[in-house]
């Protein structure tokens, strides 16, 4: 099931056309997917760039066409002598901190308006520029089977874990691919908070922006929000961006700094202008 499939299921289940997600999951992956419903889709922009944490297994000794277990095997190596200590050393030396990564051809990234995985299905491979990413931590948890390395990765948005697995195999002098990828967190949104697709729980809008500085709007602020006007930053006194709420904690708007030195509305919710 793709992330788009999840959205389609929820549209029917919840009777709402305006549904979107923040952060695509590969079809073979499982775990946390943040979904916005109705007007809250406008808040998803503040969630798409959050750090993410994954668990997965790196299978040493074989490369695949998709860099994960869904593809066909393209190369094999005897890596039976590789120890867990060696894996940890190579990971610590090469895959933690700022790294450069070339997006895989099977990604959803667009080149000239076409998604890479669509080109890959046509047998077309194009040049991709490497991007600087941050791997905050790369824990090598152990080997659950011969040649199968269990890992947990906390990384910046846009990191491809399948590419980390492929690169790790090469750095170890052989090959590797990924399997059993599971996203266990997006920012401060954790797996234990999730509901299943079949029993989806819709949370109040404030949940989407719960990590932002929260300001209870006074009457003057509410008027300015309603008309899309800027507000003096001095009124906030905390770090941007700011979520402005009413006395019942309903989200009215999200404000960010503007070039004028004041705060401008980035998103104004429907209930603020009704």
Protein backbone atom coordinates (compact mmCIF):
# COMPACT_ATOMS: atom_id res chain seq x y z
CA UNK A 1 0.00 0.00 0.00
CA UNK A 2 1.35 3.42 -0.97
CA UNK A 3 0.88 6.61 1.05
CA UNK A 4 -1.51 7.76 -1.68
CA UNK A 5 -3.51 4.57 -1.19
CA UNK A 6 -3.83 5.39 2.51
CA UNK A 7 -5.19 8.83 1.64
CA UNK A 8 -7.74 7.32 -0.75
CA UNK A 9 -8.95 4.86 1.89
CA UNK A 10 -9.35 7.65 4.45
CA UNK A 11 -11.26 9.86 1.98
CA UNK A 12 -13.93 7.19 1.75
CA UNK A 13 -13.78 6.23 5.41
CA UNK A 14 -14.04 9.79 6.75
CA UNK A 15 -16.18 11.28 3.98
CA UNK A 16 -13.70 14.11 3.39
CA UNK A 17 -12.04 14.94 0.08
CA UNK A 18 -9.40 17.26 1.50
CA UNK A 19 -6.88 14.79 2.91
CA UNK A 20 -3.12 14.79 2.49
CA UNK A 21 -0.03 13.33 4.14
CA UNK A 22 3.31 14.68 5.34
CA UNK A 23 6.19 12.45 4.27
CA UNK A 24 5.78 9.58 1.82
CA UNK A 25 6.35 6.01 2.99
CA UNK A 26 7.64 3.46 0.49
CA UNK A 27 4.97 0.87 -0.48
CA UNK A 28 6.89 -1.90 1.33
CA UNK A 29 7.52 0.23 4.44
CA UNK A 30 5.33 0.45 7.53
CA UNK A 31 4.99 2.79 10.46
CA UNK A 32 4.13 6.39 11.15
CA UNK A 33 2.30 8.44 8.51
CA UNK A 34 1.01 11.90 9.42
CA UNK A 35 -2.29 12.64 7.69
CA UNK A 36 -4.09 15.98 7.57
CA UNK A 37 -7.89 16.06 7.27
CA UNK A 38 -9.93 18.96 5.94
CA UNK A 39 -8.56 22.43 6.56
CA UNK A 40 -5.70 20.94 8.59
CA UNK A 41 -4.03 19.92 5.29
CA UNK A 42 -2.82 23.53 5.25
CA UNK A 43 -0.72 22.83 8.34
CA UNK A 44 1.12 19.86 6.80
CA UNK A 45 3.79 22.17 5.38
CA UNK A 46 5.10 22.59 8.93
CA UNK A 47 5.45 18.80 9.38
CA UNK A 48 7.05 17.67 6.12
CA UNK A 49 10.58 18.73 7.06
CA UNK A 50 10.73 17.10 10.49
CA UNK A 51 13.45 14.58 11.40
CA UNK A 52 12.50 10.94 11.16
CA UNK A 53 13.51 7.71 12.91
CA UNK A 54 13.45 4.28 11.28
CA UNK A 55 14.17 0.68 12.17
CA UNK A 56 15.23 -1.72 9.43
CA UNK A 57 17.36 -4.69 8.50
CA UNK A 58 20.41 -4.47 6.24
CA UNK A 59 20.98 -7.75 4.40
CA UNK A 60 24.67 -8.14 3.61
CA UNK A 61 25.93 -9.97 0.54
CA UNK A 62 23.45 -9.01 -2.17
CA UNK A 63 22.45 -5.87 -4.07
CA UNK A 64 19.07 -5.43 -5.72
CA UNK A 65 17.60 -3.29 -8.48
CA UNK A 66 15.52 -1.31 -6.00
CA UNK A 67 18.07 -1.33 -3.14
CA UNK A 68 15.51 -3.23 -1.05
CA UNK A 69 13.98 -6.70 -0.90
CA UNK A 70 11.28 -5.90 -3.49
CA UNK A 71 13.80 -5.81 -6.33
CA UNK A 72 15.72 -8.43 -8.27
CA UNK A 73 19.23 -9.39 -7.21
CA UNK A 74 21.87 -7.64 -9.31
CA UNK A 75 25.07 -8.67 -7.50
CA UNK A 76 26.23 -11.02 -4.75
CA UNK A 77 29.28 -11.11 -2.50
CA UNK A 78 30.55 -13.46 0.17
CA UNK A 79 30.39 -11.32 3.32
CA UNK A 80 30.15 -14.14 5.84
CA UNK A 81 33.35 -12.97 7.55
CA UNK A 82 31.98 -9.50 8.34
CA UNK A 83 31.56 -9.02 12.10
CA UNK A 84 29.11 -6.75 13.90
CA UNK A 85 32.08 -4.82 15.30
CA UNK A 86 33.29 -4.10 11.76
CA UNK A 87 29.82 -2.94 10.73
CA UNK A 88 29.70 -0.56 13.69
CA UNK A 89 33.14 0.83 12.90
CA UNK A 90 32.29 1.49 9.24
CA UNK A 91 28.97 3.08 10.20
CA UNK A 92 30.59 5.37 12.78
CA UNK A 93 33.32 6.43 10.37
CA UNK A 94 31.17 7.04 7.30
CA UNK A 95 27.46 7.36 8.02
CA UNK A 96 26.95 9.60 11.04
CA UNK A 97 26.73 13.42 10.93
CA UNK A 98 26.69 15.39 7.68
CA UNK A 99 26.77 13.07 4.68
CA UNK A 100 26.18 13.37 0.94
CA UNK A 101 23.66 11.04 -0.64
CA UNK A 102 22.50 10.49 -4.22
CA UNK A 103 18.73 9.85 -4.34
CA UNK A 104 17.90 6.37 -5.68
CA UNK A 105 16.16 5.93 -9.03
CA UNK A 106 13.25 4.27 -7.21
CA UNK A 107 12.45 7.39 -5.20
CA UNK A 108 9.48 9.75 -5.58
CA UNK A 109 11.80 12.69 -6.25
CA UNK A 110 10.94 14.56 -9.45
CA UNK A 111 13.40 15.35 -12.26
CA UNK A 112 12.02 17.65 -14.97
CA UNK A 113 8.54 17.04 -13.58
CA UNK A 114 8.74 13.23 -13.70
CA UNK A 115 9.15 11.04 -10.62
CA UNK A 116 12.33 8.99 -10.62
CA UNK A 117 10.52 5.70 -9.94
CA UNK A 118 8.40 6.24 -13.05
CA UNK A 119 11.57 6.59 -15.13
CA UNK A 120 13.07 3.55 -13.41
CA UNK A 121 10.06 1.43 -14.43
CA UNK A 122 10.76 2.44 -18.05
CA UNK A 123 14.39 1.33 -17.69
CA UNK A 124 15.64 4.92 -17.81
CA UNK A 125 18.36 6.13 -15.46
CA UNK A 126 19.17 9.83 -15.15
CA UNK A 127 21.90 11.82 -13.45
CA UNK A 128 20.99 12.82 -9.89
CA UNK A 129 22.79 15.45 -7.86
CA UNK A 130 23.96 14.42 -4.40
CA UNK A 131 22.40 16.19 -1.43
CA UNK A 132 23.79 16.95 2.00
CA UNK A 133 21.82 15.26 4.78
CA UNK A 134 22.24 14.73 8.49
CA UNK A 135 22.25 11.34 10.16
CA UNK A 136 21.86 12.18 13.84
CA UNK A 137 22.38 8.60 14.95
CA UNK A 138 22.88 5.25 13.25
CA UNK A 139 22.57 2.47 15.79
CA UNK A 140 23.77 -0.99 14.81
CA UNK A 141 21.64 -3.09 17.16
CA UNK A 142 23.00 -6.51 16.30
CA UNK A 143 22.63 -9.41 13.88
CA UNK A 144 19.28 -11.17 14.06
CA UNK A 145 20.48 -13.80 11.56
CA UNK A 146 23.76 -14.47 9.71
CA UNK A 147 24.41 -11.45 7.50
CA UNK A 148 21.27 -9.60 8.65
CA UNK A 149 22.04 -6.42 10.57
CA UNK A 150 19.32 -4.75 12.64
CA UNK A 151 19.62 -0.94 12.65
CA UNK A 152 17.87 2.17 13.93
CA UNK A 153 18.46 5.47 12.12
CA UNK A 154 17.51 8.99 13.24
CA UNK A 155 17.97 11.33 10.28
CA UNK A 156 16.97 14.57 8.62
CA UNK A 157 14.03 14.68 6.24
CA UNK A 158 14.81 13.44 2.74
CA UNK A 159 17.24 10.70 3.80
CA UNK A 160 16.84 7.43 1.90
CA UNK A 161 17.45 4.50 4.23
CA UNK A 162 17.68 2.06 1.30
CA UNK A 163 20.57 4.12 -0.05
CA UNK A 164 22.28 4.00 3.35
CA UNK A 165 22.01 0.20 3.23
CA UNK A 166 23.41 0.05 -0.31
CA UNK A 167 26.27 2.42 0.56
CA UNK A 168 27.03 0.49 3.73
CA UNK A 169 27.39 -2.74 1.74
CA UNK A 170 29.83 -1.05 -0.62
CA UNK A 171 31.80 0.50 2.26
CA UNK A 172 32.16 -3.00 3.75
CA UNK A 173 33.67 -4.22 0.50
CA UNK A 174 30.62 -6.00 -0.87
CA UNK A 175 26.93 -5.29 -1.30
CA UNK A 176 23.73 -4.99 0.73
CA UNK A 177 20.05 -4.21 0.48
CA UNK A 178 17.28 -3.13 2.85
CA UNK A 179 14.28 -4.97 4.23
CA UNK A 180 11.61 -4.52 6.92
CA UNK A 181 11.77 -0.71 6.92
CA UNK A 182 9.56 0.83 9.61
CA UNK A 183 9.22 4.51 10.49
CA UNK A 184 8.84 4.82 14.25
CA UNK A 185 8.71 8.61 14.57
CA UNK A 186 8.32 11.87 12.67
CA UNK A 187 9.61 14.71 14.80
CA UNK A 188 7.84 14.35 18.13
CA UNK A 189 5.07 12.17 16.68
CA UNK A 190 5.70 8.62 17.90
CA UNK A 191 4.58 5.18 16.79
CA UNK A 192 2.79 4.54 20.08
CA UNK A 193 0.44 7.48 19.37
CA UNK A 194 -0.71 6.03 16.05
CA UNK A 195 -4.02 4.43 15.30
CA UNK A 196 -4.49 1.80 12.61
CA UNK A 197 -5.89 2.71 9.20
CA UNK A 198 -9.03 0.70 10.00
CA UNK A 199 -9.66 2.62 13.24
CA UNK A 200 -8.25 6.01 12.28
CA UNK A 201 -8.52 8.62 15.05
CA UNK A 202 -8.88 12.26 14.00
CA UNK A 203 -7.12 14.57 16.45
CA UNK A 204 -7.86 18.29 16.98
CA UNK A 205 -5.91 20.69 14.73
CA UNK A 206 -3.69 21.86 17.60
CA UNK A 207 -2.05 18.42 17.54
CA UNK A 208 -0.44 19.18 14.17
CA UNK A 209 1.35 22.26 15.51
CA UNK A 210 1.79 21.19 19.12
CA UNK A 211 5.55 21.81 19.12
CA UNK A 212 5.19 25.47 18.07
CA UNK A 213 5.19 28.45 20.38
CA UNK A 214 1.56 28.92 21.33
CA UNK A 215 -0.03 32.36 21.68
CA UNK A 216 -3.58 32.98 22.93
CA UNK A 217 -4.85 35.74 20.63
CA UNK A 218 -6.47 38.83 22.14
CA UNK A 219 -9.27 40.69 20.36
CA UNK A 220 -6.88 42.94 18.43
CA UNK A 221 -4.90 39.93 17.22
CA UNK A 222 -8.08 38.15 16.15
CA UNK A 223 -9.07 41.15 14.03
CA UNK A 224 -5.64 41.24 12.41
CA UNK A 225 -5.74 37.50 11.74
CA UNK A 226 -9.18 37.77 10.15
CA UNK A 227 -7.91 40.39 7.71
CA UNK A 228 -4.54 38.72 7.07
CA UNK A 229 -2.55 41.53 8.66
CA UNK A 230 0.87 41.46 10.25
CA UNK A 231 1.41 41.58 14.02
CA UNK A 232 4.28 43.10 15.98
CA UNK A 233 6.72 40.35 16.94
CA UNK A 234 7.17 41.94 20.36
CA UNK A 235 3.69 40.71 21.24
CA UNK A 236 4.86 37.09 21.01
CA UNK A 237 8.09 36.95 23.02
CA UNK A 238 8.98 33.38 21.99
CA UNK A 239 10.62 31.48 19.15
CA UNK A 240 9.03 31.40 15.68
CA UNK A 241 6.88 30.08 14.13
CA UNK A 242 3.92 30.96 16.31
CA UNK A 243 0.55 29.24 16.43
CA UNK A 244 -2.21 31.62 17.48
CA UNK A 245 -5.18 30.05 19.24
CA UNK A 246 -8.41 31.22 20.85
CA UNK A 247 -9.48 30.67 24.45
CA UNK A 248 -10.68 27.14 23.60
CA UNK A 249 -7.29 26.23 22.09
CA UNK A 250 -8.68 26.21 18.54
CA UNK A 251 -6.03 27.07 15.95
CA UNK A 252 -6.62 30.43 14.30
CA UNK A 253 -3.40 30.92 12.34
CA UNK A 254 0.31 30.28 12.10
CA UNK A 255 2.56 33.33 11.93
CA UNK A 256 6.20 33.59 10.84
CA UNK A 257 8.70 36.48 10.69
CA UNK A 258 8.40 38.76 7.66
CA UNK A 259 10.91 40.99 5.86
CA UNK A 260 9.25 44.00 7.52
CA UNK A 261 10.44 42.89 10.95
CA UNK A 262 6.90 41.97 11.98
CA UNK A 263 5.10 38.62 11.93
CA UNK A 264 3.01 37.65 8.90
CA UNK A 265 0.29 34.99 8.59
CA UNK A 266 1.51 31.87 6.77
CA UNK A 267 -1.72 29.95 7.32
CA UNK A 268 -5.10 31.30 8.43
CA UNK A 269 -7.66 28.70 9.44
CA UNK A 270 -11.27 28.84 8.29
CA UNK A 271 -12.68 29.42 11.78
CA UNK A 272 -10.57 32.58 12.09
CA UNK A 273 -12.32 34.33 9.20
CA UNK A 274 -15.83 32.96 9.59
